């Protein structure tokens, strides 16, 4: 499981996908989430504005598993 570090209290799912190298730009997030299964703490979610906090576990189909950590 790869760790993705953030310096703020939370990060939006769309921004997270860019940091995790699952998408090239934030503009791709909407379409990516419509076509790809994303699990946050074991539950499906496709809202690009979903706030992720330190400790959240994110699984992206075809991209990998990640943990959000605060730096």
PDB file of N, CA and C in Angstrom:
ATOM      1  N   UNK A   1       0.856  -1.175   0.000  1.00  0.00           N
ATOM      2  CA  UNK A   1       0.000   0.000   0.000  1.00  0.00           C
ATOM      3  C   UNK A   1       0.904   1.241   0.000  1.00  0.00           C
ATOM      4  N   UNK A   2       0.655   2.118  -0.935  1.00  0.00           N
ATOM      5  CA  UNK A   2       1.456   3.325  -1.088  1.00  0.00           C
ATOM      6  C   UNK A   2       0.862   4.459  -0.249  1.00  0.00           C
ATOM      7  N   UNK A   3       1.739   5.248   0.367  1.00  0.00           N
ATOM      8  CA  UNK A   3       1.281   6.384   1.160  1.00  0.00           C
ATOM      9  C   UNK A   3       1.318   7.651   0.322  1.00  0.00           C
ATOM     10  N   UNK A   4       0.236   8.438   0.408  1.00  0.00           N
ATOM     11  CA  UNK A   4       0.154   9.729  -0.267  1.00  0.00           C
ATOM     12  C   UNK A   4       0.098  10.792   0.827  1.00  0.00           C
ATOM     13  N   UNK A   5       1.114  11.653   0.872  1.00  0.00           N
ATOM     14  CA  UNK A   5       1.204  12.661   1.916  1.00  0.00           C
ATOM     15  C   UNK A   5       0.507  13.957   1.543  1.00  0.00           C
ATOM     16  N   UNK A   6      -0.199  14.526   2.509  1.00  0.00           N
ATOM     17  CA  UNK A   6      -0.845  15.821   2.323  1.00  0.00           C
ATOM     18  C   UNK A   6      -0.362  16.757   3.429  1.00  0.00           C
ATOM     19  N   UNK A   7      -0.371  18.048   3.150  1.00  0.00           N
ATOM     20  CA  UNK A   7       0.072  19.023   4.135  1.00  0.00           C
ATOM     21  C   UNK A   7      -1.101  19.813   4.715  1.00  0.00           C
ATOM     22  N   UNK A   8      -2.284  19.555   4.206  1.00  0.00           N
ATOM     23  CA  UNK A   8      -3.481  20.235   4.678  1.00  0.00           C
ATOM     24  C   UNK A   8      -4.326  19.264   5.499  1.00  0.00           C
ATOM     25  N   UNK A   9      -5.427  19.740   6.049  1.00  0.00           N
ATOM     26  CA  UNK A   9      -6.282  18.877   6.867  1.00  0.00           C
ATOM     27  C   UNK A   9      -6.929  17.765   6.029  1.00  0.00           C
ATOM     28  N   UNK A  10      -7.289  18.090   4.791  1.00  0.00           N
ATOM     29  CA  UNK A  10      -7.933  17.109   3.918  1.00  0.00           C
ATOM     30  C   UNK A  10      -7.549  17.390   2.470  1.00  0.00           C
ATOM     31  N   UNK A  11      -7.895  16.443   1.602  1.00  0.00           N
ATOM     32  CA  UNK A  11      -7.677  16.606   0.166  1.00  0.00           C
ATOM     33  C   UNK A  11      -8.911  16.060  -0.542  1.00  0.00           C
ATOM     34  N   UNK A  12      -9.318  16.719  -1.617  1.00  0.00           N
ATOM     35  CA  UNK A  12     -10.464  16.246  -2.396  1.00  0.00           C
ATOM     36  C   UNK A  12     -10.058  15.013  -3.193  1.00  0.00           C
ATOM     37  N   UNK A  13     -10.998  14.122  -3.420  1.00  0.00           N
ATOM     38  CA  UNK A  13     -10.714  12.887  -4.144  1.00  0.00           C
ATOM     39  C   UNK A  13     -10.123  13.164  -5.520  1.00  0.00           C
ATOM     40  N   UNK A  14     -10.636  14.164  -6.235  1.00  0.00           N
ATOM     41  CA  UNK A  14     -10.108  14.501  -7.561  1.00  0.00           C
ATOM     42  C   UNK A  14      -8.637  14.892  -7.507  1.00  0.00           C
ATOM     43  N   UNK A  15      -8.259  15.691  -6.510  1.00  0.00           N
ATOM     44  CA  UNK A  15      -6.858  16.086  -6.341  1.00  0.00           C
ATOM     45  C   UNK A  15      -6.008  14.892  -5.927  1.00  0.00           C
ATOM     46  N   UNK A  16      -6.583  14.049  -5.077  1.00  0.00           N
ATOM     47  CA  UNK A  16      -5.871  12.860  -4.627  1.00  0.00           C
ATOM     48  C   UNK A  16      -5.504  11.956  -5.804  1.00  0.00           C
ATOM     49  N   UNK A  17      -6.447  11.757  -6.725  1.00  0.00           N
ATOM     50  CA  UNK A  17      -6.186  10.893  -7.880  1.00  0.00           C
ATOM     51  C   UNK A  17      -5.026  11.413  -8.711  1.00  0.00           C
ATOM     52  N   UNK A  18      -4.891  12.724  -8.804  1.00  0.00           N
ATOM     53  CA  UNK A  18      -3.770  13.314  -9.528  1.00  0.00           C
ATOM     54  C   UNK A  18      -2.459  13.067  -8.775  1.00  0.00           C
ATOM     55  N   UNK A  19      -2.457  13.276  -7.471  1.00  0.00           N
ATOM     56  CA  UNK A  19      -1.251  13.030  -6.662  1.00  0.00           C
ATOM     57  C   UNK A  19      -0.823  11.565  -6.709  1.00  0.00           C
ATOM     58  N   UNK A  20      -1.792  10.675  -6.792  1.00  0.00           N
ATOM     59  CA  UNK A  20      -1.513   9.242  -6.820  1.00  0.00           C
ATOM     60  C   UNK A  20      -1.141   8.755  -8.222  1.00  0.00           C
ATOM     61  N   UNK A  21      -1.071   9.667  -9.181  1.00  0.00           N
ATOM     62  CA  UNK A  21      -0.744   9.349 -10.572  1.00  0.00           C
ATOM     63  C   UNK A  21      -1.743   8.402 -11.229  1.00  0.00           C
ATOM     64  N   UNK A  22      -2.994   8.473 -10.809  1.00  0.00           N
ATOM     65  CA  UNK A  22      -4.047   7.672 -11.447  1.00  0.00           C
ATOM     66  C   UNK A  22      -4.621   8.406 -12.650  1.00  0.00           C
ATOM     67  N   UNK A  23      -4.558   9.754 -12.624  1.00  0.00           N
ATOM     68  CA  UNK A  23      -5.011  10.571 -13.747  1.00  0.00           C
ATOM     69  C   UNK A  23      -3.948  11.616 -14.040  1.00  0.00           C
ATOM     70  N   UNK A  24      -3.951  12.140 -15.257  1.00  0.00           N
ATOM     71  CA  UNK A  24      -2.936  13.119 -15.657  1.00  0.00           C
ATOM     72  C   UNK A  24      -3.249  14.522 -15.140  1.00  0.00           C
ATOM     73  N   UNK A  25      -4.530  14.908 -15.192  1.00  0.00           N
ATOM     74  CA  UNK A  25      -4.915  16.246 -14.721  1.00  0.00           C
ATOM     75  C   UNK A  25      -6.194  16.138 -13.900  1.00  0.00           C
ATOM     76  N   UNK A  26      -6.452  17.149 -13.098  1.00  0.00           N
ATOM     77  CA  UNK A  26      -7.663  17.168 -12.291  1.00  0.00           C
ATOM     78  C   UNK A  26      -8.934  17.166 -13.119  1.00  0.00           C
ATOM     79  N   UNK A  27      -8.851  17.679 -14.349  1.00  0.00           N
ATOM     80  CA  UNK A  27     -10.013  17.712 -15.231  1.00  0.00           C
ATOM     81  C   UNK A  27     -10.491  16.337 -15.666  1.00  0.00           C
ATOM     82  N   UNK A  28      -9.627  15.346 -15.576  1.00  0.00           N
ATOM     83  CA  UNK A  28     -10.002  13.978 -15.950  1.00  0.00           C
ATOM     84  C   UNK A  28     -10.768  13.256 -14.845  1.00  0.00           C
ATOM     85  N   UNK A  29     -10.803  13.833 -13.656  1.00  0.00           N
ATOM     86  CA  UNK A  29     -11.371  13.150 -12.489  1.00  0.00           C
ATOM     87  C   UNK A  29     -12.830  12.755 -12.682  1.00  0.00           C
ATOM     88  N   UNK A  30     -13.655  13.649 -13.197  1.00  0.00           N
ATOM     89  CA  UNK A  30     -15.082  13.365 -13.352  1.00  0.00           C
ATOM     90  C   UNK A  30     -15.310  12.133 -14.217  1.00  0.00           C
ATOM     91  N   UNK A  31     -14.666  12.085 -15.369  1.00  0.00           N
ATOM     92  CA  UNK A  31     -14.848  10.961 -16.289  1.00  0.00           C
ATOM     93  C   UNK A  31     -14.207   9.695 -15.733  1.00  0.00           C
ATOM     94  N   UNK A  32     -13.056   9.832 -15.095  1.00  0.00           N
ATOM     95  CA  UNK A  32     -12.371   8.690 -14.498  1.00  0.00           C
ATOM     96  C   UNK A  32     -13.255   8.029 -13.444  1.00  0.00           C
ATOM     97  N   UNK A  33     -13.880   8.844 -12.598  1.00  0.00           N
ATOM     98  CA  UNK A  33     -14.720   8.310 -11.529  1.00  0.00           C
ATOM     99  C   UNK A  33     -16.008   7.680 -12.047  1.00  0.00           C
ATOM    100  N   UNK A  34     -16.471   8.100 -13.221  1.00  0.00           N
ATOM    101  CA  UNK A  34     -17.662   7.486 -13.813  1.00  0.00           C
ATOM    102  C   UNK A  34     -17.357   6.086 -14.331  1.00  0.00           C
ATOM    103  N   UNK A  35     -16.106   5.856 -14.731  1.00  0.00           N
ATOM    104  CA  UNK A  35     -15.727   4.591 -15.369  1.00  0.00           C
ATOM    105  C   UNK A  35     -14.961   3.642 -14.464  1.00  0.00           C
ATOM    106  N   UNK A  36     -14.440   4.123 -13.338  1.00  0.00           N
ATOM    107  CA  UNK A  36     -13.544   3.330 -12.510  1.00  0.00           C
ATOM    108  C   UNK A  36     -14.090   3.202 -11.098  1.00  0.00           C
ATOM    109  N   UNK A  37     -13.988   1.999 -10.538  1.00  0.00           N
ATOM    110  CA  UNK A  37     -14.449   1.794  -9.165  1.00  0.00           C
ATOM    111  C   UNK A  37     -13.395   2.307  -8.179  1.00  0.00           C
ATOM    112  N   UNK A  38     -13.840   3.121  -7.244  1.00  0.00           N
ATOM    113  CA  UNK A  38     -12.977   3.649  -6.196  1.00  0.00           C
ATOM    114  C   UNK A  38     -13.624   3.321  -4.855  1.00  0.00           C
ATOM    115  N   UNK A  39     -12.847   2.693  -3.976  1.00  0.00           N
ATOM    116  CA  UNK A  39     -13.325   2.370  -2.635  1.00  0.00           C
ATOM    117  C   UNK A  39     -12.592   3.242  -1.632  1.00  0.00           C
ATOM    118  N   UNK A  40     -13.344   3.899  -0.770  1.00  0.00           N
ATOM    119  CA  UNK A  40     -12.765   4.704   0.298  1.00  0.00           C
ATOM    120  C   UNK A  40     -13.177   4.056   1.606  1.00  0.00           C
ATOM    121  N   UNK A  41     -12.182   3.592   2.338  1.00  0.00           N
ATOM    122  CA  UNK A  41     -12.421   2.845   3.578  1.00  0.00           C
ATOM    123  C   UNK A  41     -13.391   1.690   3.347  1.00  0.00           C
ATOM    124  N   UNK A  42     -13.239   1.023   2.193  1.00  0.00           N
ATOM    125  CA  UNK A  42     -14.035  -0.154   1.870  1.00  0.00           C
ATOM    126  C   UNK A  42     -15.395   0.117   1.262  1.00  0.00           C
ATOM    127  N   UNK A  43     -15.770   1.379   1.092  1.00  0.00           N
ATOM    128  CA  UNK A  43     -17.080   1.710   0.530  1.00  0.00           C
ATOM    129  C   UNK A  43     -16.927   2.452  -0.789  1.00  0.00           C
ATOM    130  N   UNK A  44     -17.723   2.113  -1.803  1.00  0.00           N
ATOM    131  CA  UNK A  44     -17.608   2.797  -3.104  1.00  0.00           C
ATOM    132  C   UNK A  44     -17.997   4.269  -3.014  1.00  0.00           C
ATOM    133  N   UNK A  45     -17.263   5.096  -3.756  1.00  0.00           N
ATOM    134  CA  UNK A  45     -17.564   6.530  -3.803  1.00  0.00           C
ATOM    135  C   UNK A  45     -17.059   7.078  -5.127  1.00  0.00           C
ATOM    136  N   UNK A  46     -17.845   7.931  -5.770  1.00  0.00           N
ATOM    137  CA  UNK A  46     -17.424   8.500  -7.051  1.00  0.00           C
ATOM    138  C   UNK A  46     -17.560  10.022  -7.074  1.00  0.00           C
ATOM    139  N   UNK A  47     -17.572  10.645  -5.893  1.00  0.00           N
ATOM    140  CA  UNK A  47     -17.679  12.103  -5.800  1.00  0.00           C
ATOM    141  C   UNK A  47     -16.277  12.709  -5.806  1.00  0.00           C
ATOM    142  N   UNK A  48     -15.955  13.471  -6.831  1.00  0.00           N
ATOM    143  CA  UNK A  48     -14.594  14.010  -6.923  1.00  0.00           C
ATOM    144  C   UNK A  48     -14.299  15.033  -5.833  1.00  0.00           C
ATOM    145  N   UNK A  49     -15.322  15.592  -5.213  1.00  0.00           N
ATOM    146  CA  UNK A  49     -15.130  16.543  -4.126  1.00  0.00           C
ATOM    147  C   UNK A  49     -15.088  15.900  -2.749  1.00  0.00           C
ATOM    148  N   UNK A  50     -15.195  14.576  -2.689  1.00  0.00           N
ATOM    149  CA  UNK A  50     -15.161  13.849  -1.415  1.00  0.00           C
ATOM    150  C   UNK A  50     -13.875  14.196  -0.664  1.00  0.00           C
ATOM    151  N   UNK A  51     -14.008  14.588   0.581  1.00  0.00           N
ATOM    152  CA  UNK A  51     -12.845  14.964   1.378  1.00  0.00           C
ATOM    153  C   UNK A  51     -12.188  13.714   1.968  1.00  0.00           C
ATOM    154  N   UNK A  52     -10.892  13.619   1.769  1.00  0.00           N
ATOM    155  CA  UNK A  52     -10.111  12.523   2.327  1.00  0.00           C
ATOM    156  C   UNK A  52      -9.220  13.082   3.428  1.00  0.00           C
ATOM    157  N   UNK A  53      -9.181  12.385   4.545  1.00  0.00           N
ATOM    158  CA  UNK A  53      -8.396  12.811   5.693  1.00  0.00           C
ATOM    159  C   UNK A  53      -7.287  11.799   5.969  1.00  0.00           C
ATOM    160  N   UNK A  54      -6.302  12.209   6.759  1.00  0.00           N
ATOM    161  CA  UNK A  54      -5.217  11.306   7.137  1.00  0.00           C
ATOM    162  C   UNK A  54      -5.804  10.032   7.744  1.00  0.00           C
ATOM    163  N   UNK A  55      -5.291   8.895   7.311  1.00  0.00           N
ATOM    164  CA  UNK A  55      -5.774   7.610   7.792  1.00  0.00           C
ATOM    165  C   UNK A  55      -6.755   6.937   6.856  1.00  0.00           C
ATOM    166  N   UNK A  56      -7.327   7.692   5.917  1.00  0.00           N
ATOM    167  CA  UNK A  56      -8.266   7.094   4.964  1.00  0.00           C
ATOM    168  C   UNK A  56      -7.531   6.117   4.036  1.00  0.00           C
ATOM    169  N   UNK A  57      -8.192   5.009   3.742  1.00  0.00           N
ATOM    170  CA  UNK A  57      -7.671   3.997   2.828  1.00  0.00           C
ATOM    171  C   UNK A  57      -8.431   4.131   1.509  1.00  0.00           C
ATOM    172  N   UNK A  58      -7.688   4.221   0.407  1.00  0.00           N
ATOM    173  CA  UNK A  58      -8.299   4.393  -0.907  1.00  0.00           C
ATOM    174  C   UNK A  58      -7.812   3.288  -1.829  1.00  0.00           C
ATOM    175  N   UNK A  59      -8.760   2.586  -2.460  1.00  0.00           N
ATOM    176  CA  UNK A  59      -8.435   1.561  -3.447  1.00  0.00           C
ATOM    177  C   UNK A  59      -8.998   2.003  -4.789  1.00  0.00           C
ATOM    178  N   UNK A  60      -8.123   2.091  -5.786  1.00  0.00           N
ATOM    179  CA  UNK A  60      -8.529   2.526  -7.116  1.00  0.00           C
ATOM    180  C   UNK A  60      -8.307   1.362  -8.072  1.00  0.00           C
ATOM    181  N   UNK A  61      -9.385   0.899  -8.692  1.00  0.00           N
ATOM    182  CA  UNK A  61      -9.307  -0.231  -9.611  1.00  0.00           C
ATOM    183  C   UNK A  61      -8.306   0.070 -10.731  1.00  0.00           C
ATOM    184  N   UNK A  62      -7.332  -0.797 -10.890  1.00  0.00           N
ATOM    185  CA  UNK A  62      -6.353  -0.635 -11.952  1.00  0.00           C
ATOM    186  C   UNK A  62      -5.211   0.323 -11.619  1.00  0.00           C
ATOM    187  N   UNK A  63      -5.247   0.948 -10.450  1.00  0.00           N
ATOM    188  CA  UNK A  63      -4.206   1.923 -10.084  1.00  0.00           C
ATOM    189  C   UNK A  63      -3.500   1.536  -8.790  1.00  0.00           C
ATOM    190  N   UNK A  64      -4.209   0.931  -7.857  1.00  0.00           N
ATOM    191  CA  UNK A  64      -3.574   0.478  -6.618  1.00  0.00           C
ATOM    192  C   UNK A  64      -4.309   0.864  -5.360  1.00  0.00           C
ATOM    193  N   UNK A  65      -3.642   0.579  -4.235  1.00  0.00           N
ATOM    194  CA  UNK A  65      -4.174   0.878  -2.909  1.00  0.00           C
ATOM    195  C   UNK A  65      -3.302   1.933  -2.252  1.00  0.00           C
ATOM    196  N   UNK A  66      -3.945   2.864  -1.583  1.00  0.00           N
ATOM    197  CA  UNK A  66      -3.232   3.998  -1.010  1.00  0.00           C
ATOM    198  C   UNK A  66      -3.753   4.309   0.397  1.00  0.00           C
ATOM    199  N   UNK A  67      -2.896   4.957   1.176  1.00  0.00           N
ATOM    200  CA  UNK A  67      -3.252   5.486   2.477  1.00  0.00           C
ATOM    201  C   UNK A  67      -2.916   6.971   2.487  1.00  0.00           C
ATOM    202  N   UNK A  68      -3.835   7.775   2.997  1.00  0.00           N
ATOM    203  CA  UNK A  68      -3.585   9.216   3.107  1.00  0.00           C
ATOM    204  C   UNK A  68      -2.856   9.457   4.431  1.00  0.00           C
ATOM    205  N   UNK A  69      -1.726  10.156   4.363  1.00  0.00           N
ATOM    206  CA  UNK A  69      -0.964  10.480   5.571  1.00  0.00           C
ATOM    207  C   UNK A  69      -0.719  11.981   5.608  1.00  0.00           C
ATOM    208  N   UNK A  70      -0.627  12.511   6.804  1.00  0.00           N
ATOM    209  CA  UNK A  70      -0.381  13.940   6.994  1.00  0.00           C
ATOM    210  C   UNK A  70       1.103  14.150   7.173  1.00  0.00           C
ATOM    211  N   UNK A  71       1.670  15.058   6.416  1.00  0.00           N
ATOM    212  CA  UNK A  71       3.109  15.343   6.513  1.00  0.00           C
ATOM    213  C   UNK A  71       3.352  16.573   7.332  1.00  0.00           C
TER     214      UNK A  71
END
